[in-house]
Every structure is written in C-alpha cells, then in structure tokens.
Amino acid sequence: MASTHAFPFRLGTTSYIIPDEIIPNVEFLKDRVDDIELVLFESDEFSNLPGRDDIGRLSDIADEYGLSYSVHLPLDAYLGHSDRTERLKSVEKCRKIIELTRPLPVSAFVTHAEAGQGVDINLFSEDGAARFSDLFWQSISQLLKTSEASASEFAVETLNYPYDFIWPVVDDLGLSVTLDVGHLELYGFPLEDHLKKYLHRTKVIHIHGVREGKDHNSLDFYPSSAMDSVLAALQASPDPDRVFTMEIFSLDDFNSSSDLMHERRRGV
C-alpha cells in the first residue's frame, strides 16, 4: 500500500501495530501512512524511549518517506495535579520527551490534561475545576519556558470530561487541540458541537472504534454517520498538515481501518 497523500490531511496510526518495538513498527508503516504517533513511556520497570541511534534512524526514515511523528507525551504525566512536586515531576517527564524527539519532524506533542491517576475530573466542584485548569496552565507555561517547543505544538486532547474545563488554557496560551472523536463517541459528547468549536485549532484528530464499551478498536466500529461528519468537516476546512491518527494497536485493526479509509477516499 502506498502512502496516502491524496487526503486533505496526513493519515496516521500508532507505533504499536505489529508486536515489536518502535523501529520495526516504523519500518513496517513507513510507506503505508504519513504520520506515526510515537507512544513513549519510561518507568522503573520498563522504558521504550529510543536511544540516539534510534532517533537517527527515525529521522532518516522520515526524510526518505516524507513521514512526520506525532509524539504522545507520557500518560503518567499529571500536569494538573494538586501536588506541586507531582506537577514538577510531570513537567520534567514531558520536557525530557520533547528534548529527546527534537531532531525529528514532529507534527505535534499530544498532551493530556490530567489531575492524577484515577482522579475523575467530572466530580470536581466549579472551584475545583477552575483550580485544575489553573494548575494545568502553570505546568504548560513552565514547559514553554524550559523546552524548545512552541505553544502551537502542544495539542491538548479531548478526554472523558468536558473540554470546556481546559479550553480557556488552550485558548489563552495559543495551544492546539487533539480532537479525539473516538473519545467523544465513547463518552457521549456531541461530535458536531466539538467540530464547530474546536476544529479551527485542531492539529490532530484521533479516531477509533468503540466496541462493547471499549475504545481503540477498528474504524469498522466507528459509526458511519459520525465518520461522514468528520470527513465532511475536514473537507470543508482542509489542512495538509493536520494529522488524522487511526489510534489503534493491532495489525488486524490497522488493515481493516486502512481499507475503510481508502474506500472512502473518493468521497473526501
């Protein structure tokens, strides 16, 4: 399958499609997509952070095949945590990833605004939500001071709570949006409203199917009518640098999702 440049966006997927490490996945995907989401993490038990040689290889592949990389900042970075020490640790985790991947053609740094492991932001009072938003603002401001990333490179993702909670931060600091339309489907948020309000600032789309209450499935399980709405909005507001990530994690899901997208290409 050739790379897809016929779409009015950069078609992408994750760095976990085949059961192997990042470099073999990128080698497999290099002529199949335009952007690869690098899902990076580091813990006491395990790390998948690429070394200097791997970064060089990723850069070479990108140059040869016209790839870009959307870098997902660590999932255990809690930039809105109530504890200052935890926020600073999270800022440093993100700064380390930004510095590591700076040699690569990065399309965006996909960013979660979270308050801590297992913390349900939906349960915050009005004052609590405002406090969370302010703490997230502080963390991103610190990242902007201590890293070489520009504000628009940070693409803050729609999660399981109303995006209105953090939109003032995104808007005030000039950040971008990762519009996860799979999350909108899973959590029952209105797709059309989000497209109207946030597409103009959206750098990355995440799309995946929802099956039996679980997300990150093949696009075969994403509603056809919702797909029509997403593709129509992207056609009406084309941006060749916007990334459309099929956020899935298996070869079967990748193949079926890619087939669906290429079947729809004529209508885009």
Protein backbone atom coordinates (compact mmCIF):
# COMPACT_ATOMS: atom_id res chain seq x y z
CA MET A 1 0.00 0.00 0.00
CA ALA A 2 1.41 3.37 -0.96
CA SER A 3 1.49 6.37 1.33
CA THR A 4 -1.72 8.30 1.21
CA HIS A 5 -1.08 11.91 0.28
CA ALA A 6 -4.44 12.08 -1.57
CA PHE A 7 -6.29 13.03 1.63
CA PRO A 8 -6.68 16.65 2.82
CA PHE A 9 -4.76 15.61 5.96
CA ARG A 10 -1.89 13.38 6.99
CA LEU A 11 -3.20 9.85 7.54
CA GLY A 12 -1.53 8.24 10.52
CA THR A 13 -1.57 5.48 13.09
CA THR A 14 0.34 4.42 16.21
CA SER A 15 3.80 2.94 16.70
CA TYR A 16 2.23 -0.25 18.07
CA ILE A 17 0.70 -2.05 15.09
CA ILE A 18 2.91 -5.13 14.91
CA PRO A 19 4.03 -6.86 18.14
CA ASP A 20 7.52 -5.39 18.15
CA GLU A 21 9.47 -2.30 19.19
CA ILE A 22 9.20 1.19 17.69
CA ILE A 23 11.77 0.92 14.89
CA PRO A 24 10.30 -2.28 13.36
CA ASN A 25 6.84 -0.70 13.54
CA VAL A 26 8.03 2.44 11.77
CA GLU A 27 9.79 0.30 9.14
CA PHE A 28 6.53 -1.56 8.59
CA LEU A 29 4.40 1.60 8.41
CA LYS A 30 6.75 3.92 6.52
CA ASP A 31 5.05 3.59 3.13
CA ARG A 32 1.56 2.98 4.50
CA VAL A 33 0.89 6.22 6.40
CA ASP A 34 2.04 9.83 6.51
CA ASP A 35 2.36 10.23 10.29
CA ILE A 36 3.18 7.83 13.12
CA GLU A 37 2.12 8.50 16.70
CA LEU A 38 5.07 7.66 18.93
CA VAL A 39 3.69 6.39 22.23
CA LEU A 40 6.64 6.82 24.61
CA PHE A 41 6.95 5.93 28.27
CA GLU A 42 9.53 5.28 30.94
CA SER A 43 9.16 3.62 34.33
CA ASP A 44 11.32 1.85 36.87
CA GLU A 45 10.39 -1.47 35.27
CA PHE A 46 10.37 -0.68 31.56
CA SER A 47 11.22 2.01 29.03
CA ASN A 48 10.65 2.24 25.31
CA LEU A 49 12.48 5.54 24.87
CA PRO A 50 14.57 5.42 21.69
CA GLY A 51 18.31 5.90 22.02
CA ARG A 52 20.43 8.27 19.94
CA ASP A 53 20.92 5.72 17.15
CA ASP A 54 17.18 5.01 17.05
CA ILE A 55 16.39 8.72 16.83
CA GLY A 56 18.82 8.94 13.91
CA ARG A 57 17.10 6.02 12.19
CA LEU A 58 13.65 7.53 12.77
CA SER A 59 14.88 10.78 11.26
CA ASP A 60 16.35 9.02 8.22
CA ILE A 61 13.13 7.09 7.58
CA ALA A 62 11.11 10.29 7.88
CA ASP A 63 13.36 12.06 5.38
CA GLU A 64 13.17 9.21 2.88
CA TYR A 65 9.42 8.60 3.08
CA GLY A 66 8.06 12.05 3.96
CA LEU A 67 6.89 10.92 7.40
CA SER A 68 6.09 13.05 10.40
CA TYR A 69 5.74 11.93 14.01
CA SER A 70 3.06 12.96 16.47
CA VAL A 71 4.63 12.41 19.87
CA HIS A 72 2.29 11.36 22.67
CA LEU A 73 3.61 12.80 25.91
CA PRO A 74 3.68 10.31 28.83
CA LEU A 75 0.30 9.08 30.03
CA ASP A 76 1.53 9.27 33.63
CA ALA A 77 2.32 12.97 33.36
CA TYR A 78 -0.27 14.69 35.55
CA LEU A 79 0.07 18.33 34.57
CA GLY A 80 -2.96 19.39 36.59
CA HIS A 81 -2.07 17.52 39.78
CA SER A 82 -2.87 19.29 43.05
CA ASP A 83 0.57 18.49 44.47
CA ARG A 84 3.33 20.80 43.23
CA THR A 85 6.02 18.11 43.46
CA GLU A 86 3.96 15.77 41.26
CA ARG A 87 3.37 18.56 38.74
CA LEU A 88 7.07 19.35 38.54
CA LYS A 89 7.89 15.65 38.04
CA SER A 90 5.31 15.54 35.25
CA VAL A 91 6.68 18.67 33.59
CA GLU A 92 10.15 17.12 33.66
CA LYS A 93 8.88 13.86 32.11
CA CYS A 94 7.36 15.84 29.25
CA ARG A 95 10.40 18.07 28.85
CA LYS A 96 12.63 15.00 28.56
CA ILE A 97 10.49 13.55 25.75
CA ILE A 98 10.40 16.89 23.93
CA GLU A 99 14.18 17.18 24.11
CA LEU A 100 14.67 13.56 23.01
CA THR A 101 12.47 13.91 19.93
CA ARG A 102 13.54 17.42 18.92
CA PRO A 103 15.66 16.09 15.97
CA LEU A 104 12.55 14.50 14.44
CA PRO A 105 9.91 16.12 12.21
CA VAL A 106 7.29 16.39 14.97
CA SER A 107 3.76 17.24 13.88
CA ALA A 108 2.51 17.72 17.45
CA PHE A 109 3.07 16.85 21.07
CA VAL A 110 -0.20 15.17 22.08
CA THR A 111 -0.89 16.31 25.64
CA HIS A 112 -3.24 15.06 28.34
CA ALA A 113 -4.59 17.41 30.98
CA GLU A 114 -4.97 15.07 33.95
CA ALA A 115 -5.16 15.61 37.71
CA GLY A 116 -3.72 12.27 38.83
CA GLN A 117 -4.07 8.54 38.43
CA GLY A 118 -7.72 7.56 38.87
CA VAL A 119 -8.87 11.13 39.55
CA ASP A 120 -12.27 11.80 37.95
CA ILE A 121 -12.27 15.43 36.90
CA ASN A 122 -16.02 15.22 36.26
CA LEU A 123 -16.53 15.10 40.05
CA PHE A 124 -14.77 18.43 40.67
CA SER A 125 -16.77 21.32 42.01
CA GLU A 126 -16.81 24.53 40.00
CA ASP A 127 -13.98 25.87 42.14
CA GLY A 128 -12.12 22.57 41.85
CA ALA A 129 -12.38 22.60 38.06
CA ALA A 130 -11.10 26.19 37.97
CA ARG A 131 -8.18 25.22 40.23
CA PHE A 132 -7.34 22.24 38.00
CA SER A 133 -7.40 24.49 34.95
CA ASP A 134 -5.08 26.99 36.63
CA LEU A 135 -2.60 24.27 37.65
CA PHE A 136 -2.56 22.91 34.12
CA TRP A 137 -1.89 26.46 32.87
CA GLN A 138 1.07 26.69 35.23
CA SER A 139 2.53 23.38 34.04
CA ILE A 140 2.24 24.21 30.35
CA SER A 141 3.69 27.66 30.98
CA GLN A 142 6.67 26.01 32.67
CA LEU A 143 7.10 23.65 29.71
CA LEU A 144 7.06 26.59 27.33
CA LYS A 145 9.83 28.24 29.37
CA THR A 146 12.02 25.14 29.71
CA SER A 147 11.65 23.42 26.33
CA GLU A 148 12.11 24.48 22.73
CA ALA A 149 8.56 23.51 21.82
CA SER A 150 6.25 26.28 20.65
CA ALA A 151 2.78 26.71 22.12
CA SER A 152 1.01 25.50 18.98
CA GLU A 153 2.98 22.24 19.04
CA PHE A 154 1.16 21.20 22.23
CA ALA A 155 -2.11 19.59 21.12
CA VAL A 156 -4.31 19.07 24.18
CA GLU A 157 -6.57 16.06 23.89
CA THR A 158 -10.30 15.69 24.50
CA LEU A 159 -10.69 13.09 27.26
CA ASN A 160 -13.56 11.92 29.48
CA TYR A 161 -14.54 15.34 30.88
CA PRO A 162 -15.97 18.45 29.18
CA TYR A 163 -13.31 20.19 27.10
CA ASP A 164 -14.72 23.49 28.28
CA PHE A 165 -12.80 22.87 31.52
CA ILE A 166 -9.45 23.40 29.81
CA TRP A 167 -10.33 25.32 26.65
CA PRO A 168 -9.56 28.67 28.33
CA VAL A 169 -5.97 27.43 28.91
CA VAL A 170 -5.65 26.17 25.34
CA ASP A 171 -7.01 29.46 24.01
CA ASP A 172 -5.04 31.73 26.34
CA LEU A 173 -1.66 30.10 25.73
CA GLY A 174 -2.16 29.55 21.99
CA LEU A 175 -2.10 25.77 22.23
CA SER A 176 -3.61 23.37 19.71
CA VAL A 177 -6.26 20.68 20.07
CA THR A 178 -6.16 16.92 19.69
CA LEU A 179 -9.79 16.21 18.86
CA ASP A 180 -10.31 12.57 19.82
CA VAL A 181 -13.57 11.74 18.09
CA GLY A 182 -13.37 8.19 19.42
CA HIS A 183 -13.48 9.58 22.95
CA LEU A 184 -16.41 11.81 22.00
CA GLU A 185 -18.28 8.70 20.86
CA LEU A 186 -17.33 6.65 23.93
CA TYR A 187 -18.28 9.32 26.48
CA GLY A 188 -21.32 10.70 24.67
CA PHE A 189 -20.07 14.19 23.87
CA PRO A 190 -21.67 15.90 20.83
CA LEU A 191 -19.46 15.49 17.76
CA GLU A 192 -20.90 18.32 15.67
CA ASP A 193 -20.54 20.85 18.51
CA HIS A 194 -16.89 19.91 19.01
CA LEU A 195 -16.13 20.13 15.31
CA LYS A 196 -17.68 23.60 15.15
CA LYS A 197 -15.98 24.89 18.30
CA TYR A 198 -12.53 23.35 18.04
CA LEU A 199 -11.66 22.19 14.53
CA HIS A 200 -10.09 25.55 13.68
CA ARG A 201 -7.47 24.88 16.38
CA THR A 202 -7.20 21.13 15.82
CA LYS A 203 -3.76 19.89 14.88
CA VAL A 204 -4.50 16.18 15.42
CA ILE A 205 -7.62 14.03 15.03
CA HIS A 206 -7.71 10.72 16.91
CA ILE A 207 -10.22 8.24 15.58
CA HIS A 208 -11.00 4.69 16.67
CA GLY A 209 -13.99 2.44 17.02
CA VAL A 210 -15.96 1.71 20.18
CA ARG A 211 -16.98 -1.89 20.74
CA GLU A 212 -18.73 -3.26 23.82
CA GLY A 213 -17.85 -0.14 25.77
CA LYS A 214 -14.15 -0.22 24.88
CA ASP A 215 -12.34 2.20 22.57
CA HIS A 216 -9.30 1.88 20.28
CA ASN A 217 -10.92 -0.70 18.03
CA SER A 218 -11.00 -0.84 14.23
CA LEU A 219 -12.74 2.01 12.41
CA ASP A 220 -15.27 -0.64 11.34
CA PHE A 221 -16.77 0.05 14.79
CA TYR A 222 -16.88 3.84 14.41
CA PRO A 223 -20.39 4.99 13.36
CA SER A 224 -20.65 5.60 9.62
CA SER A 225 -22.73 8.75 10.13
CA ALA A 226 -20.13 10.19 12.50
CA MET A 227 -17.38 9.35 10.02
CA ASP A 228 -19.36 11.22 7.37
CA SER A 229 -19.48 14.27 9.64
CA VAL A 230 -15.77 14.17 10.44
CA LEU A 231 -14.68 13.78 6.82
CA ALA A 232 -17.11 16.46 5.64
CA ALA A 233 -15.73 18.90 8.21
CA LEU A 234 -12.15 18.10 7.18
CA GLN A 235 -13.03 18.58 3.53
CA ALA A 236 -14.64 21.93 4.30
CA SER A 237 -11.60 23.02 6.34
CA PRO A 238 -8.64 21.34 4.64
CA ASP A 239 -5.22 21.48 6.25
CA PRO A 240 -2.49 19.34 4.67
CA ASP A 241 -0.51 19.44 7.92
CA ARG A 242 -3.36 18.24 10.14
CA VAL A 243 -2.88 14.66 11.33
CA PHE A 244 -5.67 12.08 11.23
CA THR A 245 -4.50 9.26 13.50
CA MET A 246 -6.19 5.88 13.43
CA GLU A 247 -5.44 5.28 17.13
CA ILE A 248 -5.42 1.51 17.13
CA PHE A 249 -2.94 -1.09 18.31
CA SER A 250 -3.07 -4.25 16.20
CA LEU A 251 -2.37 -5.32 12.65
CA ASP A 252 -5.90 -6.60 12.07
CA ASP A 253 -7.40 -3.30 13.21
CA PHE A 254 -4.89 -1.37 11.11
CA ASN A 255 -5.65 -3.35 7.96
CA SER A 256 -9.41 -3.08 8.28
CA SER A 257 -9.24 0.62 9.21
CA SER A 258 -6.89 1.40 6.31
CA ASP A 259 -9.16 -0.44 3.91
CA LEU A 260 -12.13 1.60 5.13
CA MET A 261 -10.26 4.88 4.74
CA HIS A 262 -9.10 4.09 1.23
CA GLU A 263 -12.60 3.02 0.23
CA ARG A 264 -13.80 6.43 1.39
CA ARG A 265 -11.03 8.36 -0.32
CA ARG A 266 -13.16 9.21 -3.33
CA GLY A 267 -15.70 10.89 -1.09
CA VAL A 268 -13.20 13.01 0.80
